Amino acid sequence: MAEDAGALPLAEPGRGGSPARGRRGRPRDPSVDTAIRAATMDLLGEIGYAQLTMDQVAARAKVSKASLYLRWPNKVALVADALQHRARAVPQIPDTGSLPGDMRAFLGALLRSRNAASRTLSAVSGEIASNPELRKAWHRGLAGMLTGCLRTIVARAAERGELPAGSDVELLSQLPLSLLQNWRLQHQQDPDDGVVERIVAQFYTPAQQGPR
């Protein structure tokens, strides 16, 4: 892959993970940024965060180290940015008209979109707990965006009257992600649509009210 020779240095090294945009010179080739982020995510899944180096990323993306450092000042900034961009591949919020329908559709789509990223997320989970910068990127990225989608689904169901008054919308929004992650850890395999159906039936299917 050809690199863009006119890329300019980061405007504020060490602050934030997104590449800076130069004011002068040849426009930067966005395909280089894409290749670097993809290489970062692939390597995270293969060797984990601790073993990852900027040299390895440059080699995998077929770019020079100079081009890499012009965009990201260090590994934390690079990984944070890659995670945030991966977070954009979040399923659309469905609107089936019911809580179980919405939750079933969203979680099913989430499994299909996250299967490719599951090894990567597992590789950085320990670092997220101990590294403040990565933890911030995590909450701002995948987890935050997914929880936000689930919060919309649950809040919308509460407005329709599908949930009892006073239901904890925040807790019900976080529950599916925790259940799916725990399933992976406990069973050493990705959950499937059957697991999604059990979650929906147990926690997101309102009880039918009988005649008063």
Protein backbone atom coordinates (compact mmCIF):
# COMPACT_ATOMS: atom_id res chain seq x y z
CA MET A 1 0.00 0.00 0.00
CA ALA A 2 1.34 3.38 -0.96
CA GLU A 3 1.69 5.88 1.87
CA ASP A 4 0.89 9.57 1.72
CA ALA A 5 4.17 11.40 1.94
CA GLY A 6 2.66 14.74 2.90
CA ALA A 7 1.14 13.77 6.28
CA LEU A 8 1.81 16.27 9.03
CA PRO A 9 2.53 15.59 12.71
CA LEU A 10 -0.15 15.42 15.36
CA ALA A 11 -1.22 18.83 16.52
CA GLU A 12 -1.35 17.80 20.18
CA PRO A 13 0.75 14.67 20.83
CA GLY A 14 -0.51 12.50 23.64
CA ARG A 15 -4.00 14.03 23.80
CA GLY A 16 -6.69 11.75 22.44
CA GLY A 17 -6.48 8.82 20.08
CA SER A 18 -7.76 10.27 16.84
CA PRO A 19 -5.28 11.19 14.13
CA ALA A 20 -4.82 14.92 13.67
CA ARG A 21 -5.44 16.62 10.37
CA GLY A 22 -2.61 18.64 8.85
CA ARG A 23 -3.23 22.16 7.67
CA ARG A 24 -0.83 22.06 4.75
CA GLY A 25 0.73 19.55 2.44
CA ARG A 26 -0.68 16.71 0.41
CA PRO A 27 -4.05 15.39 1.68
CA ARG A 28 -3.64 12.25 3.73
CA ASP A 29 -4.76 8.96 2.26
CA PRO A 30 -7.63 7.66 4.46
CA SER A 31 -6.93 4.10 3.31
CA VAL A 32 -3.66 4.23 5.29
CA ASP A 33 -5.56 5.06 8.50
CA THR A 34 -7.99 2.25 7.76
CA ALA A 35 -5.19 -0.26 7.17
CA ILE A 36 -3.45 0.70 10.42
CA ARG A 37 -6.63 0.38 12.47
CA ALA A 38 -7.44 -2.98 10.89
CA ALA A 39 -3.91 -4.24 11.58
CA THR A 40 -4.19 -3.10 15.19
CA MET A 41 -7.46 -4.94 15.76
CA ASP A 42 -6.18 -8.09 14.07
CA LEU A 43 -3.01 -8.14 16.18
CA LEU A 44 -4.94 -7.48 19.39
CA GLY A 45 -7.00 -10.58 18.69
CA GLU A 46 -3.91 -12.66 17.87
CA ILE A 47 -1.37 -11.65 20.53
CA GLY A 48 -3.13 -9.36 23.00
CA TYR A 49 -2.49 -5.82 24.10
CA ALA A 50 0.59 -6.50 26.24
CA GLN A 51 2.55 -8.06 23.37
CA LEU A 52 1.42 -5.57 20.76
CA THR A 53 4.07 -3.14 19.47
CA MET A 54 3.95 -0.21 17.11
CA ASP A 55 6.55 -1.96 14.93
CA GLN A 56 4.25 -4.97 14.50
CA VAL A 57 1.34 -2.75 13.55
CA ALA A 58 3.42 -0.91 10.97
CA ALA A 59 4.62 -4.19 9.47
CA ARG A 60 1.13 -5.70 9.33
CA ALA A 61 -0.37 -2.56 7.78
CA LYS A 62 2.57 -2.28 5.35
CA VAL A 63 3.35 1.30 6.35
CA SER A 64 6.47 2.93 7.76
CA LYS A 65 6.87 3.61 11.46
CA ALA A 66 7.19 7.29 10.63
CA SER A 67 3.76 7.27 8.99
CA LEU A 68 2.33 5.46 12.01
CA TYR A 69 3.77 7.89 14.55
CA LEU A 70 2.61 10.87 12.52
CA ARG A 71 -0.91 9.70 13.24
CA TRP A 72 -0.71 8.26 16.76
CA PRO A 73 1.90 9.19 19.39
CA ASN A 74 1.87 5.84 21.21
CA LYS A 75 0.24 2.44 21.54
CA VAL A 76 -2.46 3.58 23.96
CA ALA A 77 -3.63 6.30 21.58
CA LEU A 78 -3.61 3.90 18.64
CA VAL A 79 -5.54 1.13 20.41
CA ALA A 80 -8.04 3.61 21.85
CA ASP A 81 -8.71 5.02 18.40
CA ALA A 82 -9.02 1.58 16.83
CA LEU A 83 -11.52 0.53 19.51
CA GLN A 84 -13.58 3.65 18.99
CA HIS A 85 -13.73 3.04 15.24
CA ARG A 86 -14.71 -0.58 15.80
CA ALA A 87 -17.50 0.73 18.03
CA ARG A 88 -19.11 2.34 15.02
CA ALA A 89 -20.06 -1.09 13.70
CA VAL A 90 -23.05 -1.21 16.05
CA PRO A 91 -26.38 -2.68 14.89
CA GLN A 92 -29.19 -0.27 14.18
CA ILE A 93 -31.85 0.00 16.86
CA PRO A 94 -34.86 -1.99 15.65
CA ASP A 95 -38.46 -0.88 16.13
CA THR A 96 -40.69 -3.93 16.04
CA GLY A 97 -43.29 -2.42 18.35
CA SER A 98 -42.54 -4.68 21.31
CA LEU A 99 -39.78 -5.11 23.89
CA PRO A 100 -39.10 -8.81 23.20
CA GLY A 101 -39.12 -8.18 19.45
CA ASP A 102 -36.72 -5.24 19.68
CA MET A 103 -34.39 -7.02 22.10
CA ARG A 104 -34.37 -10.25 20.08
CA ALA A 105 -33.59 -8.40 16.85
CA PHE A 106 -30.87 -6.21 18.38
CA LEU A 107 -29.07 -8.96 20.32
CA GLY A 108 -29.18 -11.30 17.32
CA ALA A 109 -27.63 -8.63 15.11
CA LEU A 110 -25.11 -7.87 17.85
CA LEU A 111 -23.92 -11.48 17.94
CA ARG A 112 -23.39 -11.48 14.21
CA SER A 113 -21.47 -8.20 14.27
CA ARG A 114 -19.38 -9.01 17.33
CA ASN A 115 -18.30 -12.57 16.57
CA ALA A 116 -15.40 -11.24 14.50
CA ALA A 117 -14.39 -8.87 17.30
CA SER A 118 -14.84 -11.18 20.30
CA ARG A 119 -11.20 -12.31 20.44
CA THR A 120 -10.03 -8.72 20.23
CA LEU A 121 -12.30 -7.58 23.04
CA SER A 122 -11.18 -10.46 25.24
CA ALA A 123 -7.56 -9.58 24.54
CA VAL A 124 -7.90 -6.06 25.90
CA SER A 125 -10.37 -6.69 28.75
CA GLY A 126 -7.62 -6.97 31.38
CA GLU A 127 -5.87 -3.85 30.13
CA ILE A 128 -9.14 -1.94 30.16
CA ALA A 129 -9.49 -2.62 33.87
CA SER A 130 -6.01 -1.32 34.73
CA ASN A 131 -5.33 1.33 32.08
CA PRO A 132 -7.31 4.58 32.61
CA GLU A 133 -6.89 5.74 29.01
CA LEU A 134 -8.07 2.47 27.53
CA ARG A 135 -10.87 2.26 30.09
CA LYS A 136 -12.06 5.70 29.00
CA ALA A 137 -11.94 4.65 25.36
CA TRP A 138 -13.84 1.46 26.16
CA HIS A 139 -16.68 3.24 27.94
CA ARG A 140 -16.77 5.89 25.23
CA GLY A 141 -16.64 3.24 22.51
CA LEU A 142 -18.17 -0.21 22.23
CA ALA A 143 -19.67 -0.64 25.68
CA GLY A 144 -21.03 2.88 25.84
CA MET A 145 -22.60 2.77 22.39
CA LEU A 146 -24.14 -0.68 22.86
CA THR A 147 -25.54 0.19 26.28
CA GLY A 148 -26.96 3.38 24.78
CA CYS A 149 -28.79 1.37 22.12
CA LEU A 150 -30.16 -1.02 24.72
CA ARG A 151 -31.20 1.91 26.91
CA THR A 152 -33.24 3.29 24.01
CA ILE A 153 -34.97 -0.06 23.56
CA VAL A 154 -35.78 -0.44 27.26
CA ALA A 155 -36.85 3.18 27.76
CA ARG A 156 -39.12 2.95 24.73
CA ALA A 157 -40.71 -0.20 26.17
CA ALA A 158 -41.26 1.56 29.49
CA GLU A 159 -43.01 4.42 27.67
CA ARG A 160 -45.28 1.90 25.94
CA GLY A 161 -46.22 0.47 29.33
CA GLU A 162 -44.57 -2.92 28.73
CA LEU A 163 -42.56 -2.64 31.94
CA PRO A 164 -43.82 -2.07 35.47
CA ALA A 165 -43.69 1.49 36.75
CA GLY A 166 -40.36 2.22 38.41
CA SER A 167 -38.41 -0.40 36.41
CA ASP A 168 -34.65 0.18 36.53
CA VAL A 169 -33.98 1.18 32.92
CA GLU A 170 -30.23 1.56 33.49
CA LEU A 171 -29.85 -1.92 34.97
CA LEU A 172 -31.99 -3.55 32.30
CA SER A 173 -29.86 -1.80 29.66
CA GLN A 174 -26.60 -3.22 31.00
CA LEU A 175 -27.82 -6.74 31.70
CA PRO A 176 -27.69 -8.28 28.18
CA LEU A 177 -24.04 -7.36 27.58
CA SER A 178 -23.01 -8.81 30.94
CA LEU A 179 -24.94 -12.01 30.31
CA LEU A 180 -23.46 -12.51 26.85
CA GLN A 181 -19.93 -11.83 28.08
CA ASN A 182 -20.32 -14.19 31.05
CA TRP A 183 -21.63 -16.89 28.70
CA ARG A 184 -18.46 -16.59 26.62
CA LEU A 185 -16.23 -16.85 29.69
CA GLN A 186 -18.12 -19.73 31.27
CA HIS A 187 -18.70 -21.85 28.18
CA GLN A 188 -15.58 -20.91 26.19
CA GLN A 189 -17.67 -20.29 23.11
CA ASP A 190 -19.76 -17.54 21.59
CA PRO A 191 -23.44 -17.44 22.54
CA ASP A 192 -25.93 -18.20 19.79
CA ASP A 193 -29.52 -17.28 18.97
CA GLY A 194 -30.69 -19.85 21.50
CA VAL A 195 -28.96 -17.94 24.29
CA VAL A 196 -30.49 -14.70 23.02
CA GLU A 197 -33.92 -16.32 23.12
CA ARG A 198 -33.38 -17.42 26.73
CA ILE A 199 -32.33 -13.89 27.75
CA VAL A 200 -35.35 -12.37 26.02
CA ALA A 201 -37.76 -14.91 27.51
CA GLN A 202 -36.38 -14.57 31.04
CA PHE A 203 -35.89 -10.81 31.33
CA TYR A 204 -37.57 -8.97 28.45
CA THR A 205 -40.91 -10.66 27.88
CA PRO A 206 -43.60 -8.86 29.90
CA ALA A 207 -45.93 -11.16 31.81
CA GLN A 208 -49.41 -11.44 30.37
CA GLN A 209 -51.90 -9.84 32.70
CA GLY A 210 -55.06 -11.83 33.32
CA PRO A 211 -58.53 -10.35 33.68
CA ARG A 212 -59.08 -8.33 36.83
